[in-house]
PDB file of all heavy atoms in Angstrom:
ATOM      1  N   THR A   1       2.686   6.541  -6.668  1.00  0.00           N
ATOM      2  CA  THR A   1       2.539   6.124  -5.268  1.00  0.00           C
ATOM      3  C   THR A   1       1.466   6.986  -4.596  1.00  0.00           C
ATOM      4  O   THR A   1       1.083   8.050  -5.111  1.00  0.00           O
ATOM      5  CB  THR A   1       3.847   6.292  -4.483  1.00  0.00           C
ATOM      6  OG1 THR A   1       4.131   7.709  -4.338  1.00  0.00           O
ATOM      7  CG2 THR A   1       5.003   5.607  -5.191  1.00  0.00           C
ATOM      8  N   ARG A   2       1.023   6.535  -3.444  1.00  0.00           N
ATOM      9  CA  ARG A   2       0.027   7.297  -2.684  1.00  0.00           C
ATOM     10  C   ARG A   2       0.556   8.684  -2.316  1.00  0.00           C
ATOM     11  O   ARG A   2      -0.214   9.665  -2.239  1.00  0.00           O
ATOM     12  CB  ARG A   2      -0.361   6.497  -1.432  1.00  0.00           C
ATOM     13  CG  ARG A   2      -1.174   7.235  -0.386  1.00  0.00           C
ATOM     14  CD  ARG A   2      -2.516   7.737  -0.902  1.00  0.00           C
ATOM     15  NE  ARG A   2      -3.218   8.457   0.157  1.00  0.00           N
ATOM     16  CZ  ARG A   2      -2.960   9.714   0.500  1.00  0.00           C
ATOM     17  NH1 ARG A   2      -2.030  10.423  -0.133  1.00  0.00           N
ATOM     18  NH2 ARG A   2      -3.656  10.288   1.481  1.00  0.00           N
ATOM     19  N   GLN A   3       1.860   8.812  -2.115  1.00  0.00           N
ATOM     20  CA  GLN A   3       2.464  10.105  -1.760  1.00  0.00           C
ATOM     21  C   GLN A   3       2.237  11.151  -2.855  1.00  0.00           C
ATOM     22  O   GLN A   3       2.157  12.350  -2.580  1.00  0.00           O
ATOM     23  CB  GLN A   3       3.960   9.936  -1.498  1.00  0.00           C
ATOM     24  CG  GLN A   3       4.620  11.198  -0.957  1.00  0.00           C
ATOM     25  CD  GLN A   3       6.107  11.016  -0.717  1.00  0.00           C
ATOM     26  OE1 GLN A   3       6.603   9.888  -0.672  1.00  0.00           O
ATOM     27  NE2 GLN A   3       6.828  12.115  -0.576  1.00  0.00           N
ATOM     28  N   ASN A   4       2.114  10.683  -4.114  1.00  0.00           N
ATOM     29  CA  ASN A   4       1.885  11.614  -5.216  1.00  0.00           C
ATOM     30  C   ASN A   4       0.587  12.402  -5.038  1.00  0.00           C
ATOM     31  O   ASN A   4       0.488  13.551  -5.472  1.00  0.00           O
ATOM     32  CB  ASN A   4       1.848  10.884  -6.552  1.00  0.00           C
ATOM     33  CG  ASN A   4       3.171  10.223  -6.909  1.00  0.00           C
ATOM     34  OD1 ASN A   4       3.197   9.140  -7.494  1.00  0.00           O
ATOM     35  ND2 ASN A   4       4.290  10.851  -6.546  1.00  0.00           N
ATOM     36  N   PHE A   5      -0.406  11.786  -4.401  1.00  0.00           N
ATOM     37  CA  PHE A   5      -1.652  12.509  -4.133  1.00  0.00           C
ATOM     38  C   PHE A   5      -1.364  13.748  -3.292  1.00  0.00           C
ATOM     39  O   PHE A   5      -1.846  14.853  -3.580  1.00  0.00           O
ATOM     40  CB  PHE A   5      -2.656  11.605  -3.415  1.00  0.00           C
ATOM     41  CG  PHE A   5      -3.967  12.295  -3.097  1.00  0.00           C
ATOM     42  CD1 PHE A   5      -5.039  12.198  -3.960  1.00  0.00           C
ATOM     43  CD2 PHE A   5      -4.105  13.065  -1.938  1.00  0.00           C
ATOM     44  CE1 PHE A   5      -6.235  12.850  -3.685  1.00  0.00           C
ATOM     45  CE2 PHE A   5      -5.291  13.724  -1.656  1.00  0.00           C
ATOM     46  CZ  PHE A   5      -6.363  13.616  -2.536  1.00  0.00           C
ATOM     47  N   ASP A   6      -0.577  13.573  -2.250  1.00  0.00           N
ATOM     48  CA  ASP A   6      -0.263  14.687  -1.350  1.00  0.00           C
ATOM     49  C   ASP A   6       0.570  15.761  -2.032  1.00  0.00           C
ATOM     50  O   ASP A   6       0.526  16.932  -1.644  1.00  0.00           O
ATOM     51  CB  ASP A   6       0.486  14.165  -0.111  1.00  0.00           C
ATOM     52  CG  ASP A   6      -0.349  13.165   0.677  1.00  0.00           C
ATOM     53  OD1 ASP A   6      -1.585  13.297   0.688  1.00  0.00           O
ATOM     54  OD2 ASP A   6       0.236  12.233   1.266  1.00  0.00           O
ATOM     55  N   GLU A   7       1.309  15.369  -3.065  1.00  0.00           N
ATOM     56  CA  GLU A   7       2.175  16.315  -3.773  1.00  0.00           C
ATOM     57  C   GLU A   7       1.436  17.087  -4.860  1.00  0.00           C
ATOM     58  O   GLU A   7       1.740  18.257  -5.098  1.00  0.00           O
ATOM     59  CB  GLU A   7       3.345  15.564  -4.411  1.00  0.00           C
ATOM     60  CG  GLU A   7       4.290  14.915  -3.406  1.00  0.00           C
ATOM     61  CD  GLU A   7       5.247  13.937  -4.064  1.00  0.00           C
ATOM     62  OE1 GLU A   7       5.030  13.600  -5.252  1.00  0.00           O
ATOM     63  OE2 GLU A   7       6.189  13.490  -3.401  1.00  0.00           O
ATOM     64  N   TRP A   8       0.477  16.463  -5.516  1.00  0.00           N
ATOM     65  CA  TRP A   8      -0.092  17.022  -6.742  1.00  0.00           C
ATOM     66  C   TRP A   8      -1.558  17.434  -6.662  1.00  0.00           C
ATOM     67  O   TRP A   8      -2.014  18.249  -7.457  1.00  0.00           O
ATOM     68  CB  TRP A   8       0.031  16.008  -7.894  1.00  0.00           C
ATOM     69  CG  TRP A   8       1.438  15.575  -8.179  1.00  0.00           C
ATOM     70  CD1 TRP A   8       2.602  16.270  -7.937  1.00  0.00           C
ATOM     71  CD2 TRP A   8       1.845  14.341  -8.766  1.00  0.00           C
ATOM     72  NE1 TRP A   8       3.697  15.545  -8.331  1.00  0.00           N
ATOM     73  CE2 TRP A   8       3.259  14.351  -8.853  1.00  0.00           C
ATOM     74  CE3 TRP A   8       1.160  13.222  -9.246  1.00  0.00           C
ATOM     75  CZ2 TRP A   8       3.989  13.291  -9.392  1.00  0.00           C
ATOM     76  CZ3 TRP A   8       1.881  12.164  -9.775  1.00  0.00           C
ATOM     77  CH2 TRP A   8       3.281  12.205  -9.841  1.00  0.00           C
ATOM     78  N   MET A   9      -2.309  16.857  -5.731  1.00  0.00           N
ATOM     79  CA  MET A   9      -3.760  17.068  -5.713  1.00  0.00           C
ATOM     80  C   MET A   9      -4.147  18.147  -4.709  1.00  0.00           C
ATOM     81  O   MET A   9      -3.522  18.304  -3.656  1.00  0.00           O
ATOM     82  CB  MET A   9      -4.480  15.764  -5.358  1.00  0.00           C
ATOM     83  CG  MET A   9      -4.160  14.605  -6.292  1.00  0.00           C
ATOM     84  SD  MET A   9      -4.799  14.835  -7.963  1.00  0.00           S
ATOM     85  CE  MET A   9      -6.493  14.311  -7.719  1.00  0.00           C
ATOM     86  N   ILE A  10      -5.202  18.903  -5.033  1.00  0.00           N
ATOM     87  CA  ILE A  10      -5.779  19.829  -4.055  1.00  0.00           C
ATOM     88  C   ILE A  10      -6.363  18.983  -2.923  1.00  0.00           C
ATOM     89  O   ILE A  10      -7.145  18.068  -3.176  1.00  0.00           O
ATOM     90  CB  ILE A  10      -6.867  20.702  -4.715  1.00  0.00           C
ATOM     91  CG1 ILE A  10      -6.222  21.613  -5.776  1.00  0.00           C
ATOM     92  CG2 ILE A  10      -7.612  21.539  -3.667  1.00  0.00           C
ATOM     93  CD1 ILE A  10      -7.196  22.414  -6.595  1.00  0.00           C
ATOM     94  N   PRO A  11      -6.002  19.262  -1.684  1.00  0.00           N
ATOM     95  CA  PRO A  11      -6.267  18.308  -0.594  1.00  0.00           C
ATOM     96  C   PRO A  11      -7.692  18.359  -0.021  1.00  0.00           C
ATOM     97  O   PRO A  11      -7.887  18.522   1.177  1.00  0.00           O
ATOM     98  CB  PRO A  11      -5.234  18.709   0.454  1.00  0.00           C
ATOM     99  CG  PRO A  11      -5.068  20.175   0.255  1.00  0.00           C
ATOM    100  CD  PRO A  11      -5.185  20.399  -1.228  1.00  0.00           C
ATOM    101  N   VAL A  12      -8.697  18.187  -0.898  1.00  0.00           N
ATOM    102  CA  VAL A  12     -10.073  18.166  -0.409  1.00  0.00           C
ATOM    103  C   VAL A  12     -10.500  16.774   0.031  1.00  0.00           C
ATOM    104  O   VAL A  12     -11.583  16.588   0.583  1.00  0.00           O
ATOM    105  CB  VAL A  12     -11.068  18.711  -1.463  1.00  0.00           C
ATOM    106  CG1 VAL A  12     -10.818  20.192  -1.709  1.00  0.00           C
ATOM    107  CG2 VAL A  12     -10.969  17.924  -2.764  1.00  0.00           C
ATOM    108  N   TYR A  13      -9.662  15.760  -0.217  1.00  0.00           N
ATOM    109  CA  TYR A  13      -9.915  14.396   0.254  1.00  0.00           C
ATOM    110  C   TYR A  13      -8.717  13.911   1.064  1.00  0.00           C
ATOM    111  O   TYR A  13      -7.612  14.432   0.927  1.00  0.00           O
ATOM    112  CB  TYR A  13     -10.124  13.422  -0.923  1.00  0.00           C
ATOM    113  CG  TYR A  13     -11.169  13.855  -1.913  1.00  0.00           C
ATOM    114  CD1 TYR A  13     -10.824  14.164  -3.228  1.00  0.00           C
ATOM    115  CD2 TYR A  13     -12.511  13.956  -1.543  1.00  0.00           C
ATOM    116  CE1 TYR A  13     -11.786  14.556  -4.146  1.00  0.00           C
ATOM    117  CE2 TYR A  13     -13.471  14.347  -2.453  1.00  0.00           C
ATOM    118  CZ  TYR A  13     -13.109  14.652  -3.751  1.00  0.00           C
ATOM    119  OH  TYR A  13     -14.056  15.054  -4.649  1.00  0.00           O
ATOM    120  N   ALA A  14      -8.959  12.890   1.866  1.00  0.00           N
ATOM    121  CA  ALA A  14      -7.886  12.202   2.584  1.00  0.00           C
ATOM    122  C   ALA A  14      -7.999  10.716   2.259  1.00  0.00           C
ATOM    123  O   ALA A  14      -8.523   9.930   3.052  1.00  0.00           O
ATOM    124  CB  ALA A  14      -8.013  12.437   4.084  1.00  0.00           C
ATOM    125  N   PRO A  15      -7.539  10.314   1.062  1.00  0.00           N
ATOM    126  CA  PRO A  15      -7.753   8.922   0.639  1.00  0.00           C
ATOM    127  C   PRO A  15      -6.949   7.922   1.459  1.00  0.00           C
ATOM    128  O   PRO A  15      -5.982   8.272   2.137  1.00  0.00           O
ATOM    129  CB  PRO A  15      -7.304   8.926  -0.822  1.00  0.00           C
ATOM    130  CG  PRO A  15      -6.422  10.102  -0.975  1.00  0.00           C
ATOM    131  CD  PRO A  15      -6.857  11.106   0.035  1.00  0.00           C
ATOM    132  N   ALA A  16      -7.362   6.673   1.347  1.00  0.00           N
ATOM    133  CA  ALA A  16      -6.702   5.572   2.061  1.00  0.00           C
ATOM    134  C   ALA A  16      -5.228   5.498   1.684  1.00  0.00           C
ATOM    135  O   ALA A  16      -4.792   6.054   0.667  1.00  0.00           O
ATOM    136  CB  ALA A  16      -7.396   4.257   1.726  1.00  0.00           C
ATOM    137  N   ALA A  17      -4.472   4.780   2.483  1.00  0.00           N
ATOM    138  CA  ALA A  17      -3.026   4.661   2.275  1.00  0.00           C
ATOM    139  C   ALA A  17      -2.685   3.777   1.076  1.00  0.00           C
ATOM    140  O   ALA A  17      -1.552   3.804   0.594  1.00  0.00           O
ATOM    141  CB  ALA A  17      -2.369   4.109   3.534  1.00  0.00           C
ATOM    142  N   PHE A  18      -3.644   2.993   0.595  1.00  0.00           N
ATOM    143  CA  PHE A  18      -3.399   2.107  -0.551  1.00  0.00           C
ATOM    144  C   PHE A  18      -4.117   2.641  -1.786  1.00  0.00           C
ATOM    145  O   PHE A  18      -5.084   3.410  -1.688  1.00  0.00           O
ATOM    146  CB  PHE A  18      -3.860   0.680  -0.236  1.00  0.00           C
ATOM    147  CG  PHE A  18      -5.342   0.548   0.031  1.00  0.00           C
ATOM    148  CD1 PHE A  18      -6.231   0.224  -0.994  1.00  0.00           C
ATOM    149  CD2 PHE A  18      -5.856   0.734   1.311  1.00  0.00           C
ATOM    150  CE1 PHE A  18      -7.591   0.104  -0.745  1.00  0.00           C
ATOM    151  CE2 PHE A  18      -7.218   0.612   1.570  1.00  0.00           C
ATOM    152  CZ  PHE A  18      -8.083   0.293   0.541  1.00  0.00           C
ATOM    153  N   ILE A  19      -3.637   2.215  -2.964  1.00  0.00           N
ATOM    154  CA  ILE A  19      -4.272   2.607  -4.229  1.00  0.00           C
ATOM    155  C   ILE A  19      -4.853   1.353  -4.887  1.00  0.00           C
ATOM    156  O   ILE A  19      -4.107   0.441  -5.259  1.00  0.00           O
ATOM    157  CB  ILE A  19      -3.273   3.282  -5.182  1.00  0.00           C
ATOM    158  CG1 ILE A  19      -2.729   4.581  -4.575  1.00  0.00           C
ATOM    159  CG2 ILE A  19      -3.930   3.569  -6.537  1.00  0.00           C
ATOM    160  CD1 ILE A  19      -1.743   5.322  -5.474  1.00  0.00           C
ATOM    161  N   PRO A  20      -6.172   1.278  -5.042  1.00  0.00           N
ATOM    162  CA  PRO A  20      -6.763   0.144  -5.753  1.00  0.00           C
ATOM    163  C   PRO A  20      -6.387   0.198  -7.237  1.00  0.00           C
ATOM    164  O   PRO A  20      -6.366   1.278  -7.841  1.00  0.00           O
ATOM    165  CB  PRO A  20      -8.269   0.357  -5.579  1.00  0.00           C
ATOM    166  CG  PRO A  20      -8.409   1.366  -4.474  1.00  0.00           C
ATOM    167  CD  PRO A  20      -7.185   2.209  -4.539  1.00  0.00           C
ATOM    168  N   VAL A  21      -6.090  -0.953  -7.818  1.00  0.00           N
ATOM    169  CA  VAL A  21      -5.714  -0.979  -9.238  1.00  0.00           C
ATOM    170  C   VAL A  21      -6.540  -1.961 -10.067  1.00  0.00           C
ATOM    171  O   VAL A  21      -6.592  -1.852 -11.284  1.00  0.00           O
ATOM    172  CB  VAL A  21      -4.208  -1.311  -9.413  1.00  0.00           C
ATOM    173  CG1 VAL A  21      -3.343  -0.192  -8.864  1.00  0.00           C
ATOM    174  CG2 VAL A  21      -3.844  -2.645  -8.765  1.00  0.00           C
ATOM    175  N   ARG A  22      -7.194  -2.904  -9.408  1.00  0.00           N
ATOM    176  CA  ARG A  22      -7.953  -3.909 -10.154  1.00  0.00           C
ATOM    177  C   ARG A  22      -9.082  -4.426  -9.272  1.00  0.00           C
ATOM    178  O   ARG A  22      -8.935  -4.514  -8.052  1.00  0.00           O
ATOM    179  CB  ARG A  22      -7.029  -5.070 -10.552  1.00  0.00           C
ATOM    180  CG  ARG A  22      -7.681  -6.124 -11.437  1.00  0.00           C
ATOM    181  CD  ARG A  22      -6.631  -7.116 -11.936  1.00  0.00           C
ATOM    182  NE  ARG A  22      -6.065  -7.942 -10.875  1.00  0.00           N
ATOM    183  CZ  ARG A  22      -6.626  -9.086 -10.451  1.00  0.00           C
ATOM    184  NH1 ARG A  22      -7.762  -9.517 -10.976  1.00  0.00           N
ATOM    185  NH2 ARG A  22      -6.042  -9.787  -9.495  1.00  0.00           N
ATOM    186  N   ALA A  23     -10.208  -4.743  -9.910  1.00  0.00           N
ATOM    187  CA  ALA A  23     -11.338  -5.262  -9.133  1.00  0.00           C
ATOM    188  C   ALA A  23     -12.230  -6.102 -10.027  1.00  0.00           C
ATOM    189  O   ALA A  23     -12.288  -5.909 -11.245  1.00  0.00           O
ATOM    190  CB  ALA A  23     -12.137  -4.119  -8.523  1.00  0.00           C
ATOM    191  N   GLU A  24     -12.921  -7.026  -9.379  1.00  0.00           N
ATOM    192  CA  GLU A  24     -13.890  -7.866 -10.072  1.00  0.00           C
ATOM    193  C   GLU A  24     -15.009  -8.185  -9.094  1.00  0.00           C
ATOM    194  O   GLU A  24     -14.746  -8.644  -7.971  1.00  0.00           O
ATOM    195  CB  GLU A  24     -13.210  -9.153 -10.546  1.00  0.00           C
ATOM    196  CG  GLU A  24     -14.099 -10.016 -11.423  1.00  0.00           C
ATOM    197  CD  GLU A  24     -13.360 -11.233 -11.962  1.00  0.00           C
ATOM    198  OE1 GLU A  24     -12.134 -11.139 -12.216  1.00  0.00           O
ATOM    199  OE2 GLU A  24     -14.015 -12.269 -12.123  1.00  0.00           O
ATOM    200  N   GLY A  25     -16.253  -7.919  -9.490  1.00  0.00           N
ATOM    201  CA  GLY A  25     -17.355  -8.105  -8.558  1.00  0.00           C
ATOM    202  C   GLY A  25     -17.194  -7.173  -7.378  1.00  0.00           C
ATOM    203  O   GLY A  25     -17.071  -5.962  -7.526  1.00  0.00           O
ATOM    204  N   SER A  26     -17.151  -7.739  -6.171  1.00  0.00           N
ATOM    205  CA  SER A  26     -16.936  -6.933  -4.965  1.00  0.00           C
ATOM    206  C   SER A  26     -15.599  -7.249  -4.299  1.00  0.00           C
ATOM    207  O   SER A  26     -15.415  -7.022  -3.101  1.00  0.00           O
ATOM    208  CB  SER A  26     -18.087  -7.153  -3.976  1.00  0.00           C
ATOM    209  OG  SER A  26     -19.275  -6.579  -4.479  1.00  0.00           O
ATOM    210  N   THR A  27     -14.669  -7.759  -5.094  1.00  0.00           N
ATOM    211  CA  THR A  27     -13.311  -8.034  -4.606  1.00  0.00           C
ATOM    212  C   THR A  27     -12.341  -7.140  -5.355  1.00  0.00           C
ATOM    213  O   THR A  27     -12.452  -6.978  -6.572  1.00  0.00           O
ATOM    214  CB  THR A  27     -12.953  -9.517  -4.802  1.00  0.00           C
ATOM    215  OG1 THR A  27     -13.939 -10.319  -4.154  1.00  0.00           O
ATOM    216  CG2 THR A  27     -11.589  -9.831  -4.210  1.00  0.00           C
ATOM    217  N   LEU A  28     -11.414  -6.569  -4.623  1.00  0.00           N
ATOM    218  CA  LEU A  28     -10.535  -5.527  -5.165  1.00  0.00           C
ATOM    219  C   LEU A  28      -9.099  -5.794  -4.719  1.00  0.00           C
ATOM    220  O   LEU A  28      -8.869  -6.373  -3.655  1.00  0.00           O
ATOM    221  CB  LEU A  28     -11.054  -4.191  -4.634  1.00  0.00           C
ATOM    222  CG  LEU A  28     -10.423  -2.878  -5.012  1.00  0.00           C
ATOM    223  CD1 LEU A  28     -11.506  -1.799  -5.033  1.00  0.00           C
ATOM    224  CD2 LEU A  28      -9.346  -2.482  -4.011  1.00  0.00           C
ATOM    225  N   TRP A  29      -8.137  -5.377  -5.540  1.00  0.00           N
ATOM    226  CA  TRP A  29      -6.717  -5.552  -5.209  1.00  0.00           C
ATOM    227  C   TRP A  29      -5.990  -4.226  -5.340  1.00  0.00           C
ATOM    228  O   TRP A  29      -6.297  -3.408  -6.222  1.00  0.00           O
ATOM    229  CB  TRP A  29      -6.076  -6.582  -6.141  1.00  0.00           C
ATOM    230  CG  TRP A  29      -6.615  -7.968  -5.954  1.00  0.00           C
ATOM    231  CD1 TRP A  29      -6.131  -8.949  -5.142  1.00  0.00           C
ATOM    232  CD2 TRP A  29      -7.776  -8.531  -6.600  1.00  0.00           C
ATOM    233  NE1 TRP A  29      -6.906 -10.084  -5.236  1.00  0.00           N
ATOM    234  CE2 TRP A  29      -7.917  -9.860  -6.120  1.00  0.00           C
ATOM    235  CE3 TRP A  29      -8.702  -8.050  -7.525  1.00  0.00           C
ATOM    236  CZ2 TRP A  29      -8.950 -10.700  -6.541  1.00  0.00           C
ATOM    237  CZ3 TRP A  29      -9.743  -8.876  -7.939  1.00  0.00           C
ATOM    238  CH2 TRP A  29      -9.854 -10.191  -7.451  1.00  0.00           C
ATOM    239  N   ASP A  30      -5.001  -4.011  -4.449  1.00  0.00           N
ATOM    240  CA  ASP A  30      -4.227  -2.775  -4.504  1.00  0.00           C
ATOM    241  C   ASP A  30      -2.917  -2.983  -5.263  1.00  0.00           C
ATOM    242  O   ASP A  30      -2.683  -4.060  -5.841  1.00  0.00           O
ATOM    243  CB  ASP A  30      -3.998  -2.211  -3.097  1.00  0.00           C
ATOM    244  CG  ASP A  30      -3.079  -3.068  -2.222  1.00  0.00           C
ATOM    245  OD1 ASP A  30      -2.397  -3.978  -2.759  1.00  0.00           O
ATOM    246  OD2 ASP A  30      -3.023  -2.818  -0.991  1.00  0.00           O
ATOM    247  N   GLN A  31      -2.075  -1.959  -5.257  1.00  0.00           N
ATOM    248  CA  GLN A  31      -0.809  -2.009  -6.004  1.00  0.00           C
ATOM    249  C   GLN A  31       0.090  -3.147  -5.549  1.00  0.00           C
ATOM    250  O   GLN A  31       0.895  -3.663  -6.331  1.00  0.00           O
ATOM    251  CB  GLN A  31      -0.060  -0.684  -5.851  1.00  0.00           C
ATOM    252  CG  GLN A  31      -0.673   0.484  -6.597  1.00  0.00           C
ATOM    253  CD  GLN A  31       0.055   1.776  -6.292  1.00  0.00           C
ATOM    254  OE1 GLN A  31       0.316   2.092  -5.138  1.00  0.00           O
ATOM    255  NE2 GLN A  31       0.389   2.540  -7.326  1.00  0.00           N
ATOM    256  N   GLU A  32      -0.043  -3.512  -4.282  1.00  0.00           N
ATOM    257  CA  GLU A  32       0.810  -4.572  -3.729  1.00  0.00           C
ATOM    258  C   GLU A  32       0.203  -5.962  -3.907  1.00  0.00           C
ATOM    259  O   GLU A  32       0.791  -6.954  -3.479  1.00  0.00           O
ATOM    260  CB  GLU A  32       1.052  -4.330  -2.225  1.00  0.00           C
ATOM    261  CG  GLU A  32       1.505  -2.919  -1.861  1.00  0.00           C
ATOM    262  CD  GLU A  32       2.757  -2.521  -2.613  1.00  0.00           C
ATOM    263  OE1 GLU A  32       3.673  -3.359  -2.704  1.00  0.00           O
ATOM    264  OE2 GLU A  32       2.816  -1.374  -3.105  1.00  0.00           O
ATOM    265  N   GLY A  33      -0.991  -6.020  -4.499  1.00  0.00           N
ATOM    266  CA  GLY A  33      -1.652  -7.302  -4.676  1.00  0.00           C
ATOM    267  C   GLY A  33      -2.497  -7.735  -3.500  1.00  0.00           C
ATOM    268  O   GLY A  33      -3.034  -8.845  -3.489  1.00  0.00           O
ATOM    269  N   LYS A  34      -2.621  -6.875  -2.491  1.00  0.00           N
ATOM    270  CA  LYS A  34      -3.457  -7.213  -1.336  1.00  0.00           C
ATOM    271  C   LYS A  34      -4.930  -7.191  -1.725  1.00  0.00           C
ATOM    272  O   LYS A  34      -5.378  -6.288  -2.443  1.00  0.00           O
ATOM    273  CB  LYS A  34      -3.202  -6.234  -0.193  1.00  0.00           C
ATOM    274  CG  LYS A  34      -4.032  -6.520   1.061  1.00  0.00           C
ATOM    275  CD  LYS A  34      -3.701  -5.551   2.187  1.00  0.00           C
ATOM    276  CE  LYS A  34      -4.627  -5.752   3.374  1.00  0.00           C
ATOM    277  NZ  LYS A  34      -4.306  -4.858   4.501  1.00  0.00           N
ATOM    278  N   GLU A  35      -5.695  -8.152  -1.209  1.00  0.00           N
ATOM    279  CA  GLU A  35      -7.106  -8.289  -1.565  1.00  0.00           C
ATOM    280  C   GLU A  35      -8.010  -7.617  -0.518  1.00  0.00           C
ATOM    281  O   GLU A  35      -7.738  -7.666   0.673  1.00  0.00           O
ATOM    282  CB  GLU A  35      -7.460  -9.782  -1.648  1.00  0.00           C
ATOM    283  CG  GLU A  35      -8.915 -10.051  -1.996  1.00  0.00           C
ATOM    284  CD  GLU A  35      -9.286 -11.508  -1.816  1.00  0.00           C
ATOM    285  OE1 GLU A  35      -8.873 -12.309  -2.671  1.00  0.00           O
ATOM    286  OE2 GLU A  35      -9.973 -11.832  -0.806  1.00  0.00           O
ATOM    287  N   TYR A  36      -9.077  -6.988  -1.004  1.00  0.00           N
ATOM    288  CA  TYR A  36     -10.078  -6.355  -0.144  1.00  0.00           C
ATOM    289  C   TYR A  36     -11.467  -6.786  -0.591  1.00  0.00           C
ATOM    290  O   TYR A  36     -11.710  -6.958  -1.785  1.00  0.00           O
ATOM    291  CB  TYR A  36     -10.005  -4.825  -0.244  1.00  0.00           C
ATOM    292  CG  TYR A  36      -8.666  -4.228   0.106  1.00  0.00           C
ATOM    293  CD1 TYR A  36      -7.634  -4.208  -0.834  1.00  0.00           C
ATOM    294  CD2 TYR A  36      -8.437  -3.662   1.352  1.00  0.00           C
ATOM    295  CE1 TYR A  36      -6.392  -3.667  -0.524  1.00  0.00           C
ATOM    296  CE2 TYR A  36      -7.203  -3.106   1.669  1.00  0.00           C
ATOM    297  CZ  TYR A  36      -6.182  -3.111   0.728  1.00  0.00           C
ATOM    298  OH  TYR A  36      -4.965  -2.564   1.042  1.00  0.00           O
ATOM    299  N   ILE A  37     -12.379  -6.903   0.359  1.00  0.00           N
ATOM    300  CA  ILE A  37     -13.805  -7.020   0.027  1.00  0.00           C
ATOM    301  C   ILE A  37     -14.393  -5.611   0.104  1.00  0.00           C
ATOM    302  O   ILE A  37     -14.219  -4.900   1.100  1.00  0.00           O
ATOM    303  CB  ILE A  37     -14.544  -7.965   1.005  1.00  0.00           C
ATOM    304  CG1 ILE A  37     -13.938  -9.370   0.938  1.00  0.00           C
ATOM    305  CG2 ILE A  37     -16.037  -7.999   0.657  1.00  0.00           C
ATOM    306  CD1 ILE A  37     -14.046 -10.072  -0.404  1.00  0.00           C
ATOM    307  N   ASP A  38     -15.078  -5.221  -0.967  1.00  0.00           N
ATOM    308  CA  ASP A  38     -15.548  -3.843  -1.114  1.00  0.00           C
ATOM    309  C   ASP A  38     -16.982  -3.708  -0.598  1.00  0.00           C
ATOM    310  O   ASP A  38     -17.933  -4.058  -1.293  1.00  0.00           O
ATOM    311  CB  ASP A  38     -15.460  -3.442  -2.588  1.00  0.00           C
ATOM    312  CG  ASP A  38     -15.866  -2.002  -2.825  1.00  0.00           C
ATOM    313  OD1 ASP A  38     -16.134  -1.286  -1.839  1.00  0.00           O
ATOM    314  OD2 ASP A  38     -15.922  -1.589  -3.995  1.00  0.00           O
ATOM    315  N   PHE A  39     -17.113  -3.201   0.630  1.00  0.00           N
ATOM    316  CA  PHE A  39     -18.424  -2.901   1.192  1.00  0.00           C
ATOM    317  C   PHE A  39     -18.788  -1.425   0.994  1.00  0.00           C
ATOM    318  O   PHE A  39     -19.846  -0.987   1.428  1.00  0.00           O
ATOM    319  CB  PHE A  39     -18.450  -3.199   2.697  1.00  0.00           C
ATOM    320  CG  PHE A  39     -18.438  -4.669   3.051  1.00  0.00           C
ATOM    321  CD1 PHE A  39     -17.897  -5.088   4.265  1.00  0.00           C
ATOM    322  CD2 PHE A  39     -18.963  -5.622   2.199  1.00  0.00           C
ATOM    323  CE1 PHE A  39     -17.895  -6.428   4.611  1.00  0.00           C
ATOM    324  CE2 PHE A  39     -18.963  -6.971   2.537  1.00  0.00           C
ATOM    325  CZ  PHE A  39     -18.423  -7.377   3.745  1.00  0.00           C
ATOM    326  N   ALA A  40     -17.895  -0.657   0.349  1.00  0.00           N
ATOM    327  CA  ALA A  40     -18.136   0.770   0.131  1.00  0.00           C
ATOM    328  C   ALA A  40     -18.881   1.024  -1.177  1.00  0.00           C
ATOM    329  O   ALA A  40     -19.684   1.954  -1.278  1.00  0.00           O
ATOM    330  CB  ALA A  40     -16.809   1.527   0.132  1.00  0.00           C
ATOM    331  N   GLY A  41     -18.594   0.208  -2.176  1.00  0.00           N
ATOM    332  CA  GLY A  41     -19.299   0.327  -3.455  1.00  0.00           C
ATOM    333  C   GLY A  41     -19.158   1.696  -4.102  1.00  0.00           C
ATOM    334  O   GLY A  41     -20.064   2.164  -4.789  1.00  0.00           O
ATOM    335  N   GLY A  42     -17.985   2.332  -3.883  1.00  0.00           N
ATOM    336  CA  GLY A  42     -17.812   3.668  -4.463  1.00  0.00           C
ATOM    337  C   GLY A  42     -18.797   4.673  -3.893  1.00  0.00           C
ATOM    338  O   GLY A  42     -19.175   5.640  -4.556  1.00  0.00           O
ATOM    339  N   ILE A  43     -19.223   4.473  -2.640  1.00  0.00           N
ATOM    340  CA  ILE A  43     -20.275   5.241  -1.953  1.00  0.00           C
ATOM    341  C   ILE A  43     -21.604   5.072  -2.711  1.00  0.00           C
ATOM    342  O   ILE A  43     -22.178   6.026  -3.244  1.00  0.00           O
ATOM    343  CB  ILE A  43     -19.917   6.725  -1.743  1.00  0.00           C
ATOM    344  CG1 ILE A  43     -18.466   6.897  -1.264  1.00  0.00           C
ATOM    345  CG2 ILE A  43     -20.888   7.356  -0.726  1.00  0.00           C
ATOM    346  CD1 ILE A  43     -18.053   8.325  -0.974  1.00  0.00           C
ATOM    347  N   ALA A  44     -22.047   3.827  -2.771  1.00  0.00           N
ATOM    348  CA  ALA A  44     -23.350   3.467  -3.354  1.00  0.00           C
ATOM    349  C   ALA A  44     -23.408   3.724  -4.864  1.00  0.00           C
ATOM    350  O   ALA A  44     -24.485   3.959  -5.413  1.00  0.00           O
ATOM    351  CB  ALA A  44     -24.494   4.187  -2.640  1.00  0.00           C
ATOM    352  N   VAL A  45     -22.266   3.657  -5.528  1.00  0.00           N
ATOM    353  CA  VAL A  45     -22.207   3.893  -6.978  1.00  0.00           C
ATOM    354  C   VAL A  45     -22.152   2.592  -7.761  1.00  0.00           C
ATOM    355  O   VAL A  45     -22.861   2.420  -8.766  1.00  0.00           O
ATOM    356  CB  VAL A  45     -20.981   4.771  -7.327  1.00  0.00           C
ATOM    357  CG1 VAL A  45     -20.694   4.758  -8.821  1.00  0.00           C
ATOM    358  CG2 VAL A  45     -21.202   6.200  -6.841  1.00  0.00           C
ATOM    359  N   ASN A  46     -21.322   1.662  -7.330  1.00  0.00           N
ATOM    360  CA  ASN A  46     -21.078   0.445  -8.112  1.00  0.00           C
ATOM    361  C   ASN A  46     -22.213  -0.561  -7.911  1.00  0.00           C
ATOM    362  O   ASN A  46     -22.070  -1.576  -7.242  1.00  0.00           O
ATOM    363  CB  ASN A  46     -19.732  -0.180  -7.704  1.00  0.00           C
ATOM    364  CG  ASN A  46     -18.585   0.779  -7.917  1.00  0.00           C
ATOM    365  OD1 ASN A  46     -18.600   1.592  -8.826  1.00  0.00           O
ATOM    366  ND2 ASN A  46     -17.583   0.700  -7.055  1.00  0.00           N
TER     367      ASN A  46
END
């Protein structure tokens, strides 16, 4: 879960409340199956 980040990771980031698990092209889905359009591109990486 997203809470695991707060428990286990050194807190140098503040990630979004959802965890992406699958993506194709510029469309992405989180653990709950919610769809997102990705305008971030991994910060100009993808």
